[in-house]
Protein backbone atom coordinates (compact mmCIF):
# COMPACT_ATOMS: atom_id res chain seq x y z
CA UNK A 1 12.93 266.51 14.68
CA UNK A 2 13.55 265.58 11.04
CA UNK A 3 10.86 262.91 11.18
CA UNK A 4 8.40 265.32 12.79
CA UNK A 5 9.23 267.91 10.13
CA UNK A 6 8.62 265.40 7.32
CA UNK A 7 5.30 264.38 8.85
CA UNK A 8 4.25 268.02 9.21
CA UNK A 9 5.14 268.73 5.57
CA UNK A 10 3.24 265.64 4.39
CA UNK A 11 0.12 266.47 6.43
CA UNK A 12 0.01 270.07 5.29
CA UNK A 13 1.25 269.44 1.72
CA UNK A 14 4.17 271.75 2.34
CA UNK A 15 7.49 271.75 0.51
CA UNK A 16 10.84 272.58 2.08
CA UNK A 17 13.23 273.96 -0.53
CA UNK A 18 16.73 272.46 -0.20
CA UNK A 19 19.52 274.97 0.39
CA UNK A 20 21.80 275.36 -2.61
CA UNK A 21 24.43 277.48 -0.88
CA UNK A 22 26.49 277.58 2.30
CA UNK A 23 24.87 279.27 5.26
CA UNK A 24 27.55 281.27 7.06
CA UNK A 25 27.40 281.10 10.84
CA UNK A 26 26.97 282.76 13.20
CA UNK A 27 24.17 284.73 11.61
CA UNK A 28 20.88 286.46 12.24
CA UNK A 29 18.02 284.84 10.30
CA UNK A 30 15.05 286.92 9.14
CA UNK A 31 11.82 284.95 9.57
CA UNK A 32 9.28 286.46 7.18
CA UNK A 33 6.50 286.71 6.30
CA UNK A 34 5.30 286.23 9.87
CA UNK A 35 1.52 286.31 9.56
CA UNK A 36 0.37 283.17 11.37
CA UNK A 37 1.46 280.69 14.02
CA UNK A 38 1.83 278.18 11.17
CA UNK A 39 4.84 280.15 9.91
CA UNK A 40 6.73 278.87 12.93
CA UNK A 41 6.21 275.23 11.98
CA UNK A 42 7.23 275.89 8.38
CA UNK A 43 10.41 277.60 9.61
CA UNK A 44 11.30 274.77 12.00
CA UNK A 45 10.67 272.19 9.25
CA UNK A 46 12.87 274.17 6.81
CA UNK A 47 15.70 274.34 9.31
CA UNK A 48 15.62 270.69 10.35
CA UNK A 49 15.20 269.28 6.85
CA UNK A 50 18.15 271.41 5.74
CA UNK A 51 20.25 270.18 8.69
CA UNK A 52 20.40 273.62 10.30
CA UNK A 53 20.38 274.05 14.07
CA UNK A 54 18.50 277.28 14.68
CA UNK A 55 17.55 279.15 17.82
CA UNK A 56 14.59 281.48 17.70
CA UNK A 57 13.58 284.44 19.79
CA UNK A 58 10.15 284.41 21.38
CA UNK A 59 8.36 286.66 23.83
CA UNK A 60 8.97 285.84 27.48
CA UNK A 61 5.30 285.05 28.10
CA UNK A 62 5.56 281.99 25.83
CA UNK A 63 8.10 280.48 28.20
CA UNK A 64 6.03 280.97 31.37
CA UNK A 65 3.35 278.39 30.60
CA UNK A 66 3.07 274.63 30.30
CA UNK A 67 4.47 274.63 26.73
CA UNK A 68 7.77 276.21 27.84
CA UNK A 69 9.74 272.91 27.81
CA UNK A 70 8.54 272.19 24.25
CA UNK A 71 9.48 275.69 23.07
CA UNK A 72 12.95 275.35 24.58
CA UNK A 73 13.39 271.90 22.99
CA UNK A 74 12.49 273.46 19.63
CA UNK A 75 15.27 276.03 20.07
CA UNK A 76 13.37 278.85 21.74
CA UNK A 77 15.18 281.66 23.52
CA UNK A 78 13.05 283.78 25.86
CA UNK A 79 13.32 287.55 25.45
CA UNK A 80 11.71 290.37 27.38
CA UNK A 81 10.42 292.74 24.72
CA UNK A 82 10.16 295.53 27.30
CA UNK A 83 13.95 295.44 27.69
CA UNK A 84 14.63 295.52 23.95
CA UNK A 85 17.89 297.51 24.13
CA UNK A 86 19.57 294.85 26.24
CA UNK A 87 18.57 292.07 23.84
CA UNK A 88 20.87 293.39 21.11
CA UNK A 89 23.99 293.25 23.28
CA UNK A 90 22.96 289.94 24.85
CA UNK A 91 22.46 288.28 21.45
CA UNK A 92 25.69 289.77 20.05
CA UNK A 93 27.62 288.36 23.02
CA UNK A 94 25.90 284.99 22.60
CA UNK A 95 26.96 284.88 18.94
CA UNK A 96 30.55 285.77 19.80
CA UNK A 97 30.66 282.79 22.17
CA UNK A 98 28.89 280.39 19.75
CA UNK A 99 30.35 280.40 16.21
CA UNK A 100 27.65 278.03 14.87
CA UNK A 101 24.70 280.02 16.22
CA UNK A 102 21.81 280.92 13.93
CA UNK A 103 19.26 283.16 15.66
CA UNK A 104 15.88 283.38 13.93
CA UNK A 105 14.04 286.64 14.48
CA UNK A 106 10.44 287.33 13.39
CA UNK A 107 11.26 290.79 12.08
CA UNK A 108 7.70 292.06 11.95
CA UNK A 109 7.41 291.53 15.70
CA UNK A 110 3.77 290.44 15.41
CA UNK A 111 1.53 288.40 13.15
CA UNK A 112 -0.44 291.45 11.99
CA UNK A 113 0.47 294.14 9.48
CA UNK A 114 2.69 296.91 10.86
CA UNK A 115 4.12 300.13 9.45
CA UNK A 116 7.68 299.17 10.34
CA UNK A 117 9.65 296.02 10.96
CA UNK A 118 11.52 295.80 14.26
CA UNK A 119 15.15 296.79 13.68
CA UNK A 120 16.62 294.41 16.27
CA UNK A 121 17.65 291.86 13.64
CA UNK A 122 19.82 294.44 11.91
CA UNK A 123 21.21 295.96 15.12
CA UNK A 124 22.19 292.49 16.41
CA UNK A 125 23.91 291.64 13.12
CA UNK A 126 25.81 294.95 13.09
CA UNK A 127 26.89 294.72 16.73
CA UNK A 128 27.91 291.06 16.37
CA UNK A 129 29.55 291.62 12.97
CA UNK A 130 27.59 288.76 11.39
CA UNK A 131 25.56 288.36 8.17
CA UNK A 132 21.78 288.54 7.89
CA UNK A 133 20.37 285.33 6.40
CA UNK A 134 16.98 285.46 4.63
CA UNK A 135 14.45 282.71 5.30
CA UNK A 136 10.92 282.63 4.01
CA UNK A 137 7.45 281.14 4.04
CA UNK A 138 5.50 281.39 0.78
CA UNK A 139 1.85 280.42 0.73
CA UNK A 140 1.67 280.91 -3.05
CA UNK A 141 4.09 278.00 -3.63
CA UNK A 142 3.32 276.20 -0.33
CA UNK A 143 7.02 276.25 0.39
CA UNK A 144 9.59 277.57 2.80
CA UNK A 145 13.34 277.77 2.79
CA UNK A 146 16.47 279.88 3.02
CA UNK A 147 17.53 282.51 0.53
CA UNK A 148 20.73 284.52 0.27
CA UNK A 149 22.42 286.48 3.02
CA UNK A 150 23.74 290.01 3.18
CA UNK A 151 26.38 291.68 5.29
CA UNK A 152 24.87 294.85 6.78
CA UNK A 153 26.50 298.11 5.75
CA UNK A 154 26.25 301.72 6.94
CA UNK A 155 23.56 302.32 4.30
CA UNK A 156 20.34 301.14 5.95
CA UNK A 157 18.22 302.02 2.90
CA UNK A 158 20.42 300.04 0.49
CA UNK A 159 20.44 297.05 2.82
CA UNK A 160 16.66 297.17 3.16
CA UNK A 161 16.27 297.50 -0.62
CA UNK A 162 17.88 294.03 -0.84
CA UNK A 163 15.48 292.75 1.81
CA UNK A 164 12.48 294.23 -0.02
CA UNK A 165 13.65 292.76 -3.32
CA UNK A 166 13.93 289.26 -1.85
CA UNK A 167 10.55 289.31 -0.08
CA UNK A 168 8.64 291.10 -2.89
CA UNK A 169 7.15 287.88 -4.28
CA UNK A 170 6.64 286.06 -0.94
CA UNK A 171 3.10 285.64 0.35
CA UNK A 172 2.36 284.97 4.02
CA UNK A 173 -0.02 282.31 5.28
CA UNK A 174 -2.42 285.20 5.91
CA UNK A 175 -1.50 287.57 3.04
CA UNK A 176 -3.10 290.65 4.62
CA UNK A 177 -0.81 290.33 7.64
CA UNK A 178 2.50 290.78 5.79
CA UNK A 179 4.13 294.19 5.98
CA UNK A 180 6.44 295.71 3.40
CA UNK A 181 9.96 295.41 4.85
CA UNK A 182 10.73 298.91 6.12
CA UNK A 183 12.59 300.17 9.17
CA UNK A 184 11.69 303.33 11.04
CA UNK A 185 15.36 304.35 10.71
CA UNK A 186 14.91 304.67 6.94
CA UNK A 187 12.27 307.35 7.29
CA UNK A 188 14.10 309.07 10.13
CA UNK A 189 17.29 309.13 8.03
CA UNK A 190 15.41 310.59 5.03
CA UNK A 191 13.81 313.28 7.22
CA UNK A 192 17.19 314.26 8.67
CA UNK A 193 18.82 314.58 5.21
């Protein structure tokens, strides 16, 4: 996988930024911006060239076709998005049983712009009691890598302010497809106050 990652980076003139800190495991990894299928390859290259063994969540339909064995070999975990509530508990239990697990979640849930990010990444981290690790793709610098991590608190807005601050200067492969990091819970909490 390292060799394939190096070849991919060479062919696409992409740079993987070396990690300069310890990545605490288990953890939930934010994969953003998620604006193109190419983001996936940049993320996989970043993980492998930084000696990280990541698992990533993908929609069940991806694992029904002829590419399913390749997706599984690349660390894919099939999830049924229609049963979203059960995914949180399932992933939290998986993390409790696997102390080295890093689960990558495309927080936008789609490659197009959305009003809100999916909150599953945060709910999994809270239920599992694990940190949220930032990872990124940045078209502006043709690079990808891993940033800092945060431990989620009871203050969703403050946690998401840290997420917004980190991703403020990141540009997706398709810039128009990146959404400002915002959870529906932030607006619901503000309306209730």
